[in-house]
Amino acid sequence: MLKKYHVKKGDKVIVNSGSWKGEEATVKVILPKKDRVVLELANMTPEKQERIGRRTVKKSKANPNGGMIERSVSTHVSNVNKVAEAKAEK
């Protein structure tokens, strides 16, 4: 059975809670199995830009050097609101 969400791919959203609270972003992908959305954040401060999507990984055949890799930021779908809805609530 398909789940319905209040956001879809390409929507402009504002993050309500978590590490990226208050940031404006665009939804890149929706992950229905985990109820998460992958975000493309915009207009961020330099210190937040530095820690965005960076994860430490062990050495492996797929990643022979290990260390820090770039990943997209994801958050639970309930932690985001569409920009139009967020402005109407204020």
Protein backbone atom coordinates (compact mmCIF):
# COMPACT_ATOMS: atom_id res chain seq x y z
CA MET A 1 0.00 0.00 0.00
CA LEU A 2 1.37 3.40 -0.94
CA LYS A 3 1.89 6.03 1.73
CA LYS A 4 0.78 9.60 1.16
CA TYR A 5 2.91 12.50 2.31
CA HIS A 6 2.31 16.23 2.61
CA VAL A 7 5.44 16.93 0.51
CA LYS A 8 6.65 15.65 -2.83
CA LYS A 9 9.86 15.74 -4.84
CA GLY A 10 10.84 19.29 -5.79
CA ASP A 11 8.83 21.03 -3.02
CA LYS A 12 10.42 23.90 -1.10
CA VAL A 13 10.30 23.11 2.63
CA ILE A 14 11.40 24.48 6.00
CA VAL A 15 12.92 22.08 8.54
CA ASN A 16 11.01 22.17 11.89
CA SER A 17 13.38 20.27 14.15
CA GLY A 18 16.70 18.51 14.34
CA SER A 19 20.19 19.65 13.34
CA TRP A 20 18.90 21.65 10.38
CA LYS A 21 16.06 23.48 12.20
CA GLY A 22 15.03 26.70 10.47
CA GLU A 23 16.82 25.91 7.21
CA GLU A 24 15.04 26.18 3.87
CA ALA A 25 15.55 23.23 1.53
CA THR A 26 14.28 21.43 -1.55
CA VAL A 27 13.09 17.81 -1.41
CA LYS A 28 15.32 15.67 -3.67
CA VAL A 29 13.95 12.19 -2.87
CA ILE A 30 11.30 10.62 -0.63
CA LEU A 31 12.20 7.31 1.07
CA PRO A 32 8.82 5.71 1.91
CA LYS A 33 10.24 2.60 3.63
CA LYS A 34 11.90 4.76 6.28
CA ASP A 35 9.47 7.75 6.16
CA ARG A 36 12.36 10.10 5.39
CA VAL A 37 13.06 12.84 2.87
CA VAL A 38 16.45 13.67 1.35
CA LEU A 39 17.03 17.42 1.31
CA GLU A 40 19.11 19.83 -0.72
CA LEU A 41 19.81 22.70 1.68
CA ALA A 42 20.35 26.27 0.45
CA ASN A 43 21.57 29.61 1.90
CA MET A 44 23.49 28.08 4.79
CA THR A 45 26.07 29.61 7.11
CA PRO A 46 29.69 28.52 6.45
CA GLU A 47 29.94 26.41 9.65
CA LYS A 48 26.77 24.49 8.80
CA GLN A 49 27.93 24.13 5.18
CA GLU A 50 31.10 22.47 6.47
CA ARG A 51 29.33 19.70 8.39
CA ILE A 52 26.58 19.03 5.85
CA GLY A 53 26.34 15.41 4.82
CA ARG A 54 29.86 14.41 5.90
CA ARG A 55 30.18 10.92 7.35
CA THR A 56 33.16 8.84 8.46
CA VAL A 57 33.41 5.40 6.86
CA LYS A 58 35.74 2.45 7.31
CA LYS A 59 37.99 1.21 4.54
CA SER A 60 36.32 -1.28 2.20
CA LYS A 61 36.51 -2.52 -1.36
CA ALA A 62 33.91 0.04 -2.39
CA ASN A 63 35.73 2.85 -0.53
CA PRO A 64 39.44 1.90 -0.37
CA ASN A 65 40.62 5.10 1.33
CA GLY A 66 37.97 5.30 4.03
CA GLY A 67 37.69 8.58 5.93
CA MET A 68 35.18 11.34 5.28
CA ILE A 69 32.65 11.05 2.44
CA GLU A 70 29.89 13.37 1.21
CA ARG A 71 26.28 12.27 1.69
CA SER A 72 22.94 13.99 1.32
CA VAL A 73 21.08 15.20 4.40
CA SER A 74 17.91 13.31 5.28
CA THR A 75 15.29 13.91 7.95
CA HIS A 76 11.98 12.38 8.97
CA VAL A 77 9.07 13.55 6.83
CA SER A 78 7.26 14.92 9.89
CA ASN A 79 10.11 17.38 10.51
CA VAL A 80 9.44 19.43 7.37
CA ASN A 81 6.65 21.76 6.20
CA LYS A 82 6.06 23.28 2.80
CA VAL A 83 7.20 26.90 2.60
CA ALA A 84 3.68 28.18 1.79
CA GLU A 85 2.17 26.32 4.79
CA ALA A 86 4.89 27.54 7.15
CA LYS A 87 4.37 31.18 6.16
CA ALA A 88 0.59 30.88 6.56
CA GLU A 89 0.96 29.54 10.14
CA LYS A 90 2.98 32.56 11.32
